[in-house]
Amino acid sequence: MANYYESSDLKKFGEVGTFAKEKMDKFWAYYNDVTGTDSALSKREKSLIALAVAFAKQCPYCIDAYTTACLENGSNPEQMHEALHIVSAMEAGITLVHGVQMQNVLRSKGAM
């Protein structure tokens, strides 16, 4: 294998259920119900959220799939890049807020 992640492997996702078909069928039913229709959120909004999660989880398969889904559901590159920057800002804030825990320990040790 030239790369650990091969974009062609995304097509093999359905094979994950080979030995657990009933469970995989339930997953697909749930997944399609949640992502496949307009409801309180449009499919465009859902695709942008999924792309943002793909960035946060660093899943190249999902990034490939949801970049395509975003385009198919009416998002433009500017919106997709904004989702990327929102995730980046959130990740930075999530990391920084954990500094409160460090400061709590510093305070308890009289170092602050």
N, C-alpha and C. Protein backbone atom coordinates (compact mmCIF):
# COMPACT_ATOMS: atom_id res chain seq x y z
N MET A 1 0.84 -1.18 0.00
CA MET A 1 0.00 0.00 0.00
C MET A 1 0.88 1.24 0.00
N ALA A 2 0.59 2.13 -0.90
CA ALA A 2 1.34 3.39 -0.95
C ALA A 2 0.94 4.31 0.19
N ASN A 3 -0.32 4.28 0.57
CA ASN A 3 -0.84 5.13 1.63
C ASN A 3 -1.69 4.31 2.58
N TYR A 4 -1.69 4.71 3.84
CA TYR A 4 -2.52 4.02 4.82
C TYR A 4 -3.99 4.19 4.48
N TYR A 5 -4.37 5.42 4.14
CA TYR A 5 -5.74 5.71 3.72
C TYR A 5 -5.79 5.76 2.21
N GLU A 6 -6.57 4.92 1.63
CA GLU A 6 -6.78 4.91 0.18
C GLU A 6 -8.21 5.35 -0.08
N SER A 7 -8.38 6.39 -0.88
CA SER A 7 -9.73 6.89 -1.13
C SER A 7 -10.64 5.81 -1.71
N SER A 8 -10.08 4.87 -2.44
CA SER A 8 -10.88 3.79 -3.01
C SER A 8 -11.45 2.87 -1.93
N ASP A 9 -10.85 2.88 -0.74
CA ASP A 9 -11.36 2.05 0.35
C ASP A 9 -12.73 2.50 0.83
N LEU A 10 -13.07 3.76 0.63
CA LEU A 10 -14.37 4.26 1.06
C LEU A 10 -15.50 3.43 0.43
N LYS A 11 -15.28 2.97 -0.78
CA LYS A 11 -16.29 2.14 -1.45
C LYS A 11 -16.49 0.79 -0.76
N LYS A 12 -15.55 0.41 0.09
CA LYS A 12 -15.61 -0.88 0.78
C LYS A 12 -16.30 -0.78 2.14
N PHE A 13 -16.78 0.40 2.50
CA PHE A 13 -17.36 0.61 3.82
C PHE A 13 -18.49 -0.38 4.11
N GLY A 14 -19.30 -0.66 3.12
CA GLY A 14 -20.41 -1.59 3.30
C GLY A 14 -19.97 -2.99 3.69
N GLU A 15 -18.72 -3.34 3.36
CA GLU A 15 -18.20 -4.67 3.70
C GLU A 15 -17.96 -4.84 5.19
N VAL A 16 -17.93 -3.74 5.93
CA VAL A 16 -17.72 -3.82 7.38
C VAL A 16 -18.82 -4.67 8.02
N GLY A 17 -19.99 -4.71 7.41
CA GLY A 17 -21.10 -5.49 7.95
C GLY A 17 -21.13 -6.94 7.50
N THR A 18 -20.10 -7.41 6.85
CA THR A 18 -20.09 -8.77 6.32
C THR A 18 -20.44 -9.81 7.39
N PHE A 19 -19.91 -9.65 8.58
CA PHE A 19 -20.14 -10.64 9.62
C PHE A 19 -21.10 -10.15 10.69
N ALA A 20 -21.73 -9.01 10.43
CA ALA A 20 -22.71 -8.45 11.37
C ALA A 20 -23.75 -7.67 10.57
N LYS A 21 -24.34 -8.35 9.60
CA LYS A 21 -25.27 -7.70 8.67
C LYS A 21 -26.41 -6.99 9.37
N GLU A 22 -27.03 -7.64 10.34
CA GLU A 22 -28.18 -7.05 11.02
C GLU A 22 -27.80 -5.74 11.72
N LYS A 23 -26.65 -5.74 12.36
CA LYS A 23 -26.20 -4.53 13.04
C LYS A 23 -25.87 -3.42 12.03
N MET A 24 -25.23 -3.79 10.94
CA MET A 24 -24.88 -2.80 9.91
C MET A 24 -26.14 -2.26 9.25
N ASP A 25 -27.13 -3.11 9.03
CA ASP A 25 -28.40 -2.65 8.46
C ASP A 25 -29.07 -1.63 9.39
N LYS A 26 -28.98 -1.88 10.70
CA LYS A 26 -29.54 -0.93 11.67
C LYS A 26 -28.77 0.38 11.64
N PHE A 27 -27.44 0.29 11.53
CA PHE A 27 -26.64 1.51 11.41
C PHE A 27 -27.07 2.31 10.19
N TRP A 28 -27.17 1.64 9.02
CA TRP A 28 -27.53 2.36 7.79
C TRP A 28 -28.91 2.97 7.88
N ALA A 29 -29.85 2.27 8.49
CA ALA A 29 -31.20 2.82 8.65
C ALA A 29 -31.15 4.10 9.49
N TYR A 30 -30.42 4.05 10.59
CA TYR A 30 -30.28 5.22 11.46
C TYR A 30 -29.54 6.35 10.73
N TYR A 31 -28.42 6.00 10.14
CA TYR A 31 -27.59 6.99 9.43
C TYR A 31 -28.40 7.69 8.33
N ASN A 32 -29.08 6.92 7.52
CA ASN A 32 -29.86 7.50 6.42
C ASN A 32 -31.03 8.33 6.92
N ASP A 33 -31.64 7.91 8.03
CA ASP A 33 -32.72 8.68 8.62
C ASP A 33 -32.22 10.04 9.11
N VAL A 34 -31.06 10.04 9.74
CA VAL A 34 -30.50 11.27 10.31
C VAL A 34 -29.95 12.20 9.23
N THR A 35 -29.22 11.65 8.28
CA THR A 35 -28.50 12.51 7.32
C THR A 35 -29.21 12.69 5.98
N GLY A 36 -30.11 11.79 5.64
CA GLY A 36 -30.61 11.73 4.28
C GLY A 36 -31.81 12.57 3.94
N THR A 37 -32.36 13.28 4.91
CA THR A 37 -33.56 14.06 4.64
C THR A 37 -33.46 15.46 5.23
N ASP A 38 -34.20 16.37 4.64
CA ASP A 38 -34.37 17.68 5.24
C ASP A 38 -35.33 17.53 6.41
N SER A 39 -34.98 18.09 7.53
CA SER A 39 -35.86 18.09 8.70
C SER A 39 -35.63 19.43 9.40
N ALA A 40 -35.38 19.44 10.68
CA ALA A 40 -35.09 20.71 11.35
C ALA A 40 -33.86 21.36 10.73
N LEU A 41 -32.93 20.54 10.24
CA LEU A 41 -31.77 21.03 9.50
C LEU A 41 -31.89 20.54 8.05
N SER A 42 -31.44 21.37 7.14
CA SER A 42 -31.43 20.95 5.74
C SER A 42 -30.30 19.96 5.49
N LYS A 43 -30.39 19.23 4.38
CA LYS A 43 -29.30 18.32 4.03
C LYS A 43 -28.00 19.09 3.82
N ARG A 44 -28.09 20.33 3.34
CA ARG A 44 -26.89 21.17 3.16
C ARG A 44 -26.25 21.45 4.52
N GLU A 45 -27.07 21.84 5.49
CA GLU A 45 -26.54 22.12 6.83
C GLU A 45 -25.96 20.86 7.47
N LYS A 46 -26.66 19.75 7.30
CA LYS A 46 -26.18 18.48 7.86
C LYS A 46 -24.84 18.08 7.25
N SER A 47 -24.70 18.30 5.94
CA SER A 47 -23.44 17.97 5.27
C SER A 47 -22.29 18.84 5.79
N LEU A 48 -22.57 20.12 6.02
CA LEU A 48 -21.54 21.01 6.57
C LEU A 48 -21.14 20.60 7.98
N ILE A 49 -22.12 20.22 8.79
CA ILE A 49 -21.82 19.73 10.14
C ILE A 49 -20.97 18.46 10.05
N ALA A 50 -21.36 17.55 9.18
CA ALA A 50 -20.61 16.30 9.04
C ALA A 50 -19.19 16.56 8.56
N LEU A 51 -19.01 17.51 7.66
CA LEU A 51 -17.67 17.87 7.20
C LEU A 51 -16.85 18.43 8.36
N ALA A 52 -17.47 19.27 9.17
CA ALA A 52 -16.77 19.83 10.33
C ALA A 52 -16.34 18.73 11.30
N VAL A 53 -17.22 17.77 11.54
CA VAL A 53 -16.88 16.64 12.42
C VAL A 53 -15.75 15.83 11.79
N ALA A 54 -15.80 15.65 10.48
CA ALA A 54 -14.73 14.90 9.80
C ALA A 54 -13.38 15.58 10.00
N PHE A 55 -13.36 16.91 9.94
CA PHE A 55 -12.11 17.64 10.22
C PHE A 55 -11.67 17.41 11.66
N ALA A 56 -12.62 17.54 12.60
CA ALA A 56 -12.29 17.41 14.01
C ALA A 56 -11.78 16.00 14.34
N LYS A 57 -12.39 15.00 13.72
CA LYS A 57 -11.98 13.61 13.96
C LYS A 57 -10.84 13.18 13.05
N GLN A 58 -10.49 14.04 12.11
CA GLN A 58 -9.39 13.80 11.16
C GLN A 58 -9.57 12.50 10.38
N CYS A 59 -10.77 12.34 9.83
CA CYS A 59 -11.08 11.14 9.05
C CYS A 59 -11.02 11.47 7.56
N PRO A 60 -9.97 11.03 6.87
CA PRO A 60 -9.86 11.36 5.46
C PRO A 60 -11.01 10.80 4.61
N TYR A 61 -11.52 9.63 5.00
CA TYR A 61 -12.66 9.07 4.26
C TYR A 61 -13.86 10.00 4.36
N CYS A 62 -14.13 10.46 5.57
CA CYS A 62 -15.27 11.36 5.79
C CYS A 62 -15.06 12.71 5.12
N ILE A 63 -13.83 13.21 5.15
CA ILE A 63 -13.54 14.48 4.49
C ILE A 63 -13.84 14.35 3.00
N ASP A 64 -13.39 13.25 2.39
CA ASP A 64 -13.68 13.02 0.97
C ASP A 64 -15.19 12.95 0.74
N ALA A 65 -15.86 12.12 1.53
CA ALA A 65 -17.29 11.88 1.32
C ALA A 65 -18.11 13.15 1.56
N TYR A 66 -17.79 13.89 2.61
CA TYR A 66 -18.62 15.05 2.94
C TYR A 66 -18.24 16.30 2.18
N THR A 67 -17.04 16.38 1.62
CA THR A 67 -16.75 17.46 0.67
C THR A 67 -17.65 17.28 -0.54
N THR A 68 -17.74 16.05 -1.01
CA THR A 68 -18.63 15.75 -2.15
C THR A 68 -20.09 16.00 -1.77
N ALA A 69 -20.51 15.52 -0.58
CA ALA A 69 -21.90 15.72 -0.15
C ALA A 69 -22.23 17.20 -0.01
N CYS A 70 -21.29 17.97 0.50
CA CYS A 70 -21.53 19.41 0.62
C CYS A 70 -21.79 20.03 -0.75
N LEU A 71 -20.97 19.69 -1.71
CA LEU A 71 -21.16 20.23 -3.06
C LEU A 71 -22.50 19.77 -3.64
N GLU A 72 -22.82 18.49 -3.46
CA GLU A 72 -24.08 17.96 -3.99
C GLU A 72 -25.30 18.58 -3.33
N ASN A 73 -25.15 19.03 -2.08
CA ASN A 73 -26.28 19.60 -1.34
C ASN A 73 -26.28 21.13 -1.35
N GLY A 74 -25.46 21.74 -2.21
CA GLY A 74 -25.56 23.17 -2.44
C GLY A 74 -24.59 24.05 -1.67
N SER A 75 -23.64 23.47 -0.96
CA SER A 75 -22.64 24.30 -0.28
C SER A 75 -21.58 24.74 -1.29
N ASN A 76 -20.94 25.85 -0.98
CA ASN A 76 -19.86 26.32 -1.84
C ASN A 76 -18.53 26.23 -1.08
N PRO A 77 -17.41 26.35 -1.79
CA PRO A 77 -16.11 26.23 -1.13
C PRO A 77 -15.91 27.22 0.02
N GLU A 78 -16.45 28.43 -0.08
CA GLU A 78 -16.31 29.40 1.00
C GLU A 78 -16.99 28.88 2.28
N GLN A 79 -18.17 28.29 2.15
CA GLN A 79 -18.88 27.75 3.32
C GLN A 79 -18.11 26.57 3.92
N MET A 80 -17.55 25.72 3.06
CA MET A 80 -16.79 24.58 3.55
C MET A 80 -15.52 25.02 4.27
N HIS A 81 -14.87 26.05 3.75
CA HIS A 81 -13.68 26.57 4.43
C HIS A 81 -14.05 27.24 5.75
N GLU A 82 -15.19 27.89 5.79
CA GLU A 82 -15.64 28.48 7.05
C GLU A 82 -15.87 27.39 8.10
N ALA A 83 -16.45 26.26 7.68
CA ALA A 83 -16.63 25.14 8.61
C ALA A 83 -15.28 24.67 9.14
N LEU A 84 -14.27 24.62 8.27
CA LEU A 84 -12.92 24.22 8.69
C LEU A 84 -12.39 25.18 9.75
N HIS A 85 -12.59 26.48 9.54
CA HIS A 85 -12.08 27.47 10.49
C HIS A 85 -12.87 27.45 11.80
N ILE A 86 -14.15 27.16 11.73
CA ILE A 86 -14.94 27.03 12.97
C ILE A 86 -14.39 25.88 13.80
N VAL A 87 -14.14 24.74 13.15
CA VAL A 87 -13.57 23.59 13.86
C VAL A 87 -12.22 23.95 14.46
N SER A 88 -11.39 24.63 13.69
CA SER A 88 -10.07 25.01 14.18
C SER A 88 -10.17 25.90 15.41
N ALA A 89 -11.07 26.88 15.37
CA ALA A 89 -11.26 27.77 16.51
C ALA A 89 -11.80 27.01 17.72
N MET A 90 -12.74 26.11 17.47
CA MET A 90 -13.31 25.30 18.56
C MET A 90 -12.23 24.42 19.20
N GLU A 91 -11.44 23.76 18.37
CA GLU A 91 -10.39 22.89 18.89
C GLU A 91 -9.39 23.69 19.73
N ALA A 92 -9.04 24.88 19.27
CA ALA A 92 -8.12 25.73 20.04
C ALA A 92 -8.76 26.12 21.37
N GLY A 93 -10.01 26.53 21.35
CA GLY A 93 -10.70 26.92 22.58
C GLY A 93 -10.85 25.76 23.54
N ILE A 94 -11.15 24.58 23.00
CA ILE A 94 -11.31 23.39 23.83
C ILE A 94 -9.98 23.05 24.50
N THR A 95 -8.89 23.18 23.77
CA THR A 95 -7.57 22.93 24.36
C THR A 95 -7.27 23.97 25.43
N LEU A 96 -7.48 25.24 25.11
CA LEU A 96 -7.15 26.32 26.04
C LEU A 96 -7.98 26.27 27.32
N VAL A 97 -9.26 25.93 27.22
CA VAL A 97 -10.09 25.93 28.42
C VAL A 97 -9.62 24.88 29.43
N HIS A 98 -8.91 23.87 28.96
CA HIS A 98 -8.35 22.89 29.88
C HIS A 98 -7.23 23.48 30.74
N GLY A 99 -6.77 24.66 30.35
CA GLY A 99 -5.81 25.37 31.18
C GLY A 99 -6.39 25.73 32.54
N VAL A 100 -7.71 25.82 32.64
CA VAL A 100 -8.36 26.09 33.92
C VAL A 100 -8.02 24.98 34.91
N GLN A 101 -8.01 23.73 34.45
CA GLN A 101 -7.65 22.61 35.32
C GLN A 101 -6.24 22.77 35.85
N MET A 102 -5.31 23.16 34.96
CA MET A 102 -3.93 23.38 35.38
C MET A 102 -3.87 24.50 36.42
N GLN A 103 -4.61 25.58 36.16
CA GLN A 103 -4.59 26.69 37.10
C GLN A 103 -5.20 26.30 38.44
N ASN A 104 -6.21 25.45 38.44
CA ASN A 104 -6.78 24.95 39.71
C ASN A 104 -5.72 24.23 40.53
N VAL A 105 -4.92 23.38 39.87
CA VAL A 105 -3.85 22.67 40.57
C VAL A 105 -2.80 23.67 41.05
N LEU A 106 -2.42 24.62 40.19
CA LEU A 106 -1.43 25.62 40.59
C LEU A 106 -1.91 26.39 41.82
N ARG A 107 -3.20 26.77 41.81
CA ARG A 107 -3.75 27.48 42.98
C ARG A 107 -3.68 26.61 44.23
N SER A 108 -4.02 25.33 44.10
CA SER A 108 -4.03 24.43 45.26
C SER A 108 -2.61 24.22 45.81
N LYS A 109 -1.62 24.40 44.98
CA LYS A 109 -0.23 24.22 45.39
C LYS A 109 0.43 25.54 45.80
N GLY A 110 -0.38 26.63 45.77
CA GLY A 110 0.13 27.95 46.12
C GLY A 110 1.09 28.54 45.09
N ALA A 111 1.04 28.03 43.89
CA ALA A 111 1.95 28.50 42.84
C ALA A 111 1.32 29.61 41.99
N MET A 112 0.12 29.98 42.36
CA MET A 112 -0.57 31.01 41.56
C MET A 112 -1.36 31.93 42.47
